[in-house]
């Protein structure tokens, strides 16, 4: 199951689901029907059937959580180190401008941790740790914000043409022809 935040289930949610499966295991031992278990535990019959197969093959231990679906590529300490490196800026790592791209972050990870990650993995790693995609505002270096604001307030209202209103005598198609 995928989530918008880029991660999987929380530890609490994983534990809750494990408890539901273990409860189903107790009911398997009691000989209850699949449909009854599914209705009372508020899960699908297919899930209960899958759990029953696992329970037959491995007992209650087969119903326990296997942990998170994927292991992070970088440990928390390594990611903290990566954030420090990224904080130094792209120029400190030999890049010409001050923009971080996924390819550049990938290169820093490769040099720093001797690890090759795909672009998609780099994106998921950054997203999981709260980094977001940002496009720098493209503004002229010579831009004078005060002059721009004055122009918007004083000149633009005079230059802007007034809107035409529809009504009698206009070319609006809402009138019916009198033919």
C-alpha atoms as a PDB file:
ATOM      1  CA  UNK A   1       0.000   0.000   0.000  1.00  0.00           C
ATOM      2  CA  UNK A   2       1.427   3.383  -0.987  1.00  0.00           C
ATOM      3  CA  UNK A   3       0.866   6.643   0.824  1.00  0.00           C
ATOM      4  CA  UNK A   4       1.171  10.242  -0.277  1.00  0.00           C
ATOM      5  CA  UNK A   5       3.955  10.896   2.195  1.00  0.00           C
ATOM      6  CA  UNK A   6       6.081   8.323   0.392  1.00  0.00           C
ATOM      7  CA  UNK A   7       6.309   5.875   3.243  1.00  0.00           C
ATOM      8  CA  UNK A   8       4.445   2.730   4.192  1.00  0.00           C
ATOM      9  CA  UNK A   9       2.587   1.826   7.353  1.00  0.00           C
ATOM     10  CA  UNK A  10       3.650   3.266  10.669  1.00  0.00           C
ATOM     11  CA  UNK A  11       4.874   0.889  13.360  1.00  0.00           C
ATOM     12  CA  UNK A  12       1.607   1.388  15.277  1.00  0.00           C
ATOM     13  CA  UNK A  13      -0.517   0.563  12.245  1.00  0.00           C
ATOM     14  CA  UNK A  14       1.598  -2.521  11.480  1.00  0.00           C
ATOM     15  CA  UNK A  15       1.135  -3.701  15.092  1.00  0.00           C
ATOM     16  CA  UNK A  16      -2.632  -3.146  14.857  1.00  0.00           C
ATOM     17  CA  UNK A  17      -2.885  -5.218  11.694  1.00  0.00           C
ATOM     18  CA  UNK A  18      -0.767  -7.948  13.261  1.00  0.00           C
ATOM     19  CA  UNK A  19      -3.214  -8.078  16.202  1.00  0.00           C
ATOM     20  CA  UNK A  20      -6.120  -8.524  13.746  1.00  0.00           C
ATOM     21  CA  UNK A  21      -4.301 -11.444  12.077  1.00  0.00           C
ATOM     22  CA  UNK A  22      -3.473 -13.047  15.444  1.00  0.00           C
ATOM     23  CA  UNK A  23      -7.129 -12.711  16.472  1.00  0.00           C
ATOM     24  CA  UNK A  24      -8.036 -14.502  13.243  1.00  0.00           C
ATOM     25  CA  UNK A  25      -5.550 -17.250  14.217  1.00  0.00           C
ATOM     26  CA  UNK A  26      -7.355 -17.782  17.532  1.00  0.00           C
ATOM     27  CA  UNK A  27     -10.630 -18.079  15.616  1.00  0.00           C
ATOM     28  CA  UNK A  28      -9.061 -20.566  13.167  1.00  0.00           C
ATOM     29  CA  UNK A  29      -8.213 -22.788  16.140  1.00  0.00           C
ATOM     30  CA  UNK A  30     -11.822 -22.508  17.345  1.00  0.00           C
ATOM     31  CA  UNK A  31     -13.016 -23.696  13.908  1.00  0.00           C
ATOM     32  CA  UNK A  32     -14.955 -20.578  12.918  1.00  0.00           C
ATOM     33  CA  UNK A  33     -15.982 -20.034   9.301  1.00  0.00           C
ATOM     34  CA  UNK A  34     -14.108 -17.644   7.047  1.00  0.00           C
ATOM     35  CA  UNK A  35     -17.165 -15.475   6.353  1.00  0.00           C
ATOM     36  CA  UNK A  36     -17.895 -15.033  10.089  1.00  0.00           C
ATOM     37  CA  UNK A  37     -14.272 -14.099  10.868  1.00  0.00           C
ATOM     38  CA  UNK A  38     -14.152 -11.632   7.952  1.00  0.00           C
ATOM     39  CA  UNK A  39     -17.401  -9.931   8.982  1.00  0.00           C
ATOM     40  CA  UNK A  40     -16.494  -9.633  12.675  1.00  0.00           C
ATOM     41  CA  UNK A  41     -12.912  -8.462  12.054  1.00  0.00           C
ATOM     42  CA  UNK A  42     -14.117  -6.149   9.258  1.00  0.00           C
ATOM     43  CA  UNK A  43     -11.720  -7.488   6.611  1.00  0.00           C
ATOM     44  CA  UNK A  44     -12.219  -9.206   3.260  1.00  0.00           C
ATOM     45  CA  UNK A  45     -12.843 -12.938   2.998  1.00  0.00           C
ATOM     46  CA  UNK A  46      -9.866 -13.212   0.646  1.00  0.00           C
ATOM     47  CA  UNK A  47      -7.581 -11.839   3.372  1.00  0.00           C
ATOM     48  CA  UNK A  48      -8.957 -14.316   5.902  1.00  0.00           C
ATOM     49  CA  UNK A  49      -8.453 -17.170   3.409  1.00  0.00           C
ATOM     50  CA  UNK A  50      -4.849 -16.044   2.814  1.00  0.00           C
ATOM     51  CA  UNK A  51      -4.224 -15.850   6.561  1.00  0.00           C
ATOM     52  CA  UNK A  52      -5.784 -19.290   7.080  1.00  0.00           C
ATOM     53  CA  UNK A  53      -3.392 -20.813   4.506  1.00  0.00           C
ATOM     54  CA  UNK A  54      -0.423 -19.148   6.203  1.00  0.00           C
ATOM     55  CA  UNK A  55      -1.692 -20.318   9.618  1.00  0.00           C
ATOM     56  CA  UNK A  56      -2.018 -23.929   8.392  1.00  0.00           C
ATOM     57  CA  UNK A  57       1.553 -23.860   7.068  1.00  0.00           C
ATOM     58  CA  UNK A  58       3.285 -21.996   9.902  1.00  0.00           C
ATOM     59  CA  UNK A  59       0.909 -21.537  12.828  1.00  0.00           C
ATOM     60  CA  UNK A  60       0.471 -18.219  14.657  1.00  0.00           C
ATOM     61  CA  UNK A  61       4.066 -17.207  13.896  1.00  0.00           C
ATOM     62  CA  UNK A  62       3.165 -17.071  10.190  1.00  0.00           C
ATOM     63  CA  UNK A  63       0.591 -14.372  11.014  1.00  0.00           C
ATOM     64  CA  UNK A  64       3.124 -12.060  12.672  1.00  0.00           C
ATOM     65  CA  UNK A  65       4.322  -8.895  10.933  1.00  0.00           C
ATOM     66  CA  UNK A  66       7.386  -9.248   8.736  1.00  0.00           C
ATOM     67  CA  UNK A  67       8.347  -5.627   9.457  1.00  0.00           C
ATOM     68  CA  UNK A  68       8.519  -2.701   7.031  1.00  0.00           C
ATOM     69  CA  UNK A  69       8.199  -3.525   3.342  1.00  0.00           C
ATOM     70  CA  UNK A  70      11.545  -2.005   2.457  1.00  0.00           C
ATOM     71  CA  UNK A  71      14.680  -1.112   4.334  1.00  0.00           C
ATOM     72  CA  UNK A  72      15.833   2.473   3.831  1.00  0.00           C
ATOM     73  CA  UNK A  73      18.858   2.733   1.564  1.00  0.00           C
ATOM     74  CA  UNK A  74      20.585   5.197   3.885  1.00  0.00           C
ATOM     75  CA  UNK A  75      20.548   4.957   7.671  1.00  0.00           C
ATOM     76  CA  UNK A  76      19.322   7.922   9.721  1.00  0.00           C
ATOM     77  CA  UNK A  77      22.930   8.865  10.499  1.00  0.00           C
ATOM     78  CA  UNK A  78      23.908   8.675   6.830  1.00  0.00           C
ATOM     79  CA  UNK A  79      20.923  10.807   5.803  1.00  0.00           C
ATOM     80  CA  UNK A  80      21.853  13.403   8.436  1.00  0.00           C
ATOM     81  CA  UNK A  81      25.341  13.452   6.927  1.00  0.00           C
ATOM     82  CA  UNK A  82      23.823  13.828   3.440  1.00  0.00           C
ATOM     83  CA  UNK A  83      21.725  16.790   4.630  1.00  0.00           C
ATOM     84  CA  UNK A  84      24.884  18.429   5.956  1.00  0.00           C
ATOM     85  CA  UNK A  85      26.541  17.928   2.576  1.00  0.00           C
ATOM     86  CA  UNK A  86      23.516  19.296   0.723  1.00  0.00           C
ATOM     87  CA  UNK A  87      23.489  22.289   3.068  1.00  0.00           C
ATOM     88  CA  UNK A  88      26.957  23.237   1.835  1.00  0.00           C
ATOM     89  CA  UNK A  89      25.431  23.844  -1.587  1.00  0.00           C
ATOM     90  CA  UNK A  90      26.131  22.493  -5.062  1.00  0.00           C
ATOM     91  CA  UNK A  91      29.174  24.731  -5.600  1.00  0.00           C
ATOM     92  CA  UNK A  92      30.978  23.025  -2.691  1.00  0.00           C
ATOM     93  CA  UNK A  93      30.603  19.763  -4.607  1.00  0.00           C
ATOM     94  CA  UNK A  94      31.943  21.123  -7.884  1.00  0.00           C
ATOM     95  CA  UNK A  95      28.699  22.074  -9.653  1.00  0.00           C
ATOM     96  CA  UNK A  96      28.529  25.351 -11.563  1.00  0.00           C
ATOM     97  CA  UNK A  97      25.228  26.806 -10.327  1.00  0.00           C
ATOM     98  CA  UNK A  98      23.308  26.732  -7.070  1.00  0.00           C
ATOM     99  CA  UNK A  99      20.583  24.230  -8.032  1.00  0.00           C
ATOM    100  CA  UNK A 100      20.267  20.747  -6.615  1.00  0.00           C
ATOM    101  CA  UNK A 101      18.973  18.195  -9.092  1.00  0.00           C
ATOM    102  CA  UNK A 102      18.289  14.515  -8.476  1.00  0.00           C
ATOM    103  CA  UNK A 103      21.294  13.621 -10.633  1.00  0.00           C
ATOM    104  CA  UNK A 104      23.536  15.861  -8.539  1.00  0.00           C
ATOM    105  CA  UNK A 105      22.205  14.448  -5.256  1.00  0.00           C
ATOM    106  CA  UNK A 106      22.746  10.974  -6.725  1.00  0.00           C
ATOM    107  CA  UNK A 107      26.368  11.896  -7.485  1.00  0.00           C
ATOM    108  CA  UNK A 108      26.947  13.197  -3.939  1.00  0.00           C
ATOM    109  CA  UNK A 109      25.511   9.977  -2.483  1.00  0.00           C
ATOM    110  CA  UNK A 110      27.731   7.934  -4.783  1.00  0.00           C
ATOM    111  CA  UNK A 111      30.894   9.820  -3.824  1.00  0.00           C
ATOM    112  CA  UNK A 112      30.137  10.122  -0.113  1.00  0.00           C
ATOM    113  CA  UNK A 113      28.667   6.692   0.655  1.00  0.00           C
ATOM    114  CA  UNK A 114      30.008   4.560  -2.231  1.00  0.00           C
ATOM    115  CA  UNK A 115      26.468   3.601  -3.112  1.00  0.00           C
ATOM    116  CA  UNK A 116      24.638   3.691  -6.460  1.00  0.00           C
ATOM    117  CA  UNK A 117      20.971   4.657  -6.200  1.00  0.00           C
ATOM    118  CA  UNK A 118      18.536   5.132  -9.059  1.00  0.00           C
ATOM    119  CA  UNK A 119      17.028   8.566  -9.665  1.00  0.00           C
ATOM    120  CA  UNK A 120      13.635   7.270  -8.473  1.00  0.00           C
ATOM    121  CA  UNK A 121      15.188   5.962  -5.250  1.00  0.00           C
ATOM    122  CA  UNK A 122      16.914   9.304  -4.634  1.00  0.00           C
ATOM    123  CA  UNK A 123      13.559  11.066  -5.133  1.00  0.00           C
ATOM    124  CA  UNK A 124      11.757   8.704  -2.712  1.00  0.00           C
ATOM    125  CA  UNK A 125      14.568   9.062  -0.157  1.00  0.00           C
ATOM    126  CA  UNK A 126      14.391  12.859  -0.234  1.00  0.00           C
ATOM    127  CA  UNK A 127      10.584  12.894  -0.202  1.00  0.00           C
ATOM    128  CA  UNK A 128      10.471  10.475   2.763  1.00  0.00           C
ATOM    129  CA  UNK A 129      12.638  12.904   4.736  1.00  0.00           C
ATOM    130  CA  UNK A 130      10.496  15.951   3.961  1.00  0.00           C
ATOM    131  CA  UNK A 131      12.362  17.431   1.013  1.00  0.00           C
ATOM    132  CA  UNK A 132      10.165  18.843  -1.721  1.00  0.00           C
ATOM    133  CA  UNK A 133      10.491  19.704  -5.374  1.00  0.00           C
ATOM    134  CA  UNK A 134      11.092  23.379  -5.862  1.00  0.00           C
ATOM    135  CA  UNK A 135      11.723  25.500  -8.892  1.00  0.00           C
ATOM    136  CA  UNK A 136      13.736  28.654  -8.292  1.00  0.00           C
ATOM    137  CA  UNK A 137      11.994  31.903  -9.149  1.00  0.00           C
ATOM    138  CA  UNK A 138      13.634  33.283 -12.250  1.00  0.00           C
ATOM    139  CA  UNK A 139      14.139  36.960 -11.575  1.00  0.00           C
ATOM    140  CA  UNK A 140      16.529  39.447 -13.047  1.00  0.00           C
ATOM    141  CA  UNK A 141      19.411  40.414 -10.779  1.00  0.00           C
ATOM    142  CA  UNK A 142      18.656  44.074 -11.508  1.00  0.00           C
ATOM    143  CA  UNK A 143      14.979  43.752 -10.476  1.00  0.00           C
ATOM    144  CA  UNK A 144      13.810  46.540  -8.168  1.00  0.00           C
ATOM    145  CA  UNK A 145      10.864  45.208  -6.142  1.00  0.00           C
ATOM    146  CA  UNK A 146       9.826  48.662  -4.938  1.00  0.00           C
ATOM    147  CA  UNK A 147       9.673  49.995  -8.497  1.00  0.00           C
ATOM    148  CA  UNK A 148       7.642  46.991  -9.614  1.00  0.00           C
ATOM    149  CA  UNK A 149       5.096  47.514  -6.817  1.00  0.00           C
ATOM    150  CA  UNK A 150       4.771  51.230  -7.630  1.00  0.00           C
ATOM    151  CA  UNK A 151       4.224  50.414 -11.306  1.00  0.00           C
ATOM    152  CA  UNK A 152       1.504  47.870 -10.416  1.00  0.00           C
ATOM    153  CA  UNK A 153      -0.290  50.379  -8.187  1.00  0.00           C
ATOM    154  CA  UNK A 154       0.014  53.530 -10.254  1.00  0.00           C
ATOM    155  CA  UNK A 155       0.629  52.771 -13.927  1.00  0.00           C
ATOM    156  CA  UNK A 156      -1.160  49.478 -14.513  1.00  0.00           C
ATOM    157  CA  UNK A 157      -4.664  50.686 -13.513  1.00  0.00           C
ATOM    158  CA  UNK A 158      -4.355  53.524 -16.070  1.00  0.00           C
ATOM    159  CA  UNK A 159      -3.038  51.261 -18.835  1.00  0.00           C
ATOM    160  CA  UNK A 160      -5.472  48.433 -18.315  1.00  0.00           C
ATOM    161  CA  UNK A 161      -8.496  48.784 -20.598  1.00  0.00           C
ATOM    162  CA  UNK A 162     -11.895  48.769 -18.877  1.00  0.00           C
ATOM    163  CA  UNK A 163     -14.009  45.653 -19.461  1.00  0.00           C
ATOM    164  CA  UNK A 164     -16.929  45.933 -21.843  1.00  0.00           C
ATOM    165  CA  UNK A 165     -20.245  45.083 -20.335  1.00  0.00           C
ATOM    166  CA  UNK A 166     -22.845  43.119 -22.264  1.00  0.00           C
ATOM    167  CA  UNK A 167     -26.239  44.711 -22.562  1.00  0.00           C
ATOM    168  CA  UNK A 168     -28.459  46.482 -25.069  1.00  0.00           C
ATOM    169  CA  UNK A 169     -26.487  47.551 -28.063  1.00  0.00           C
ATOM    170  CA  UNK A 170     -23.724  45.040 -27.455  1.00  0.00           C
ATOM    171  CA  UNK A 171     -22.809  42.199 -29.778  1.00  0.00           C
ATOM    172  CA  UNK A 172     -23.936  39.646 -27.238  1.00  0.00           C
ATOM    173  CA  UNK A 173     -25.448  36.496 -28.704  1.00  0.00           C
ATOM    174  CA  UNK A 174     -27.878  36.111 -25.837  1.00  0.00           C
ATOM    175  CA  UNK A 175     -30.491  38.347 -27.534  1.00  0.00           C
ATOM    176  CA  UNK A 176     -32.918  36.722 -29.864  1.00  0.00           C
ATOM    177  CA  UNK A 177     -33.183  38.035 -33.396  1.00  0.00           C
ATOM    178  CA  UNK A 178     -36.512  39.641 -34.208  1.00  0.00           C
ATOM    179  CA  UNK A 179     -36.737  38.145 -37.668  1.00  0.00           C
END
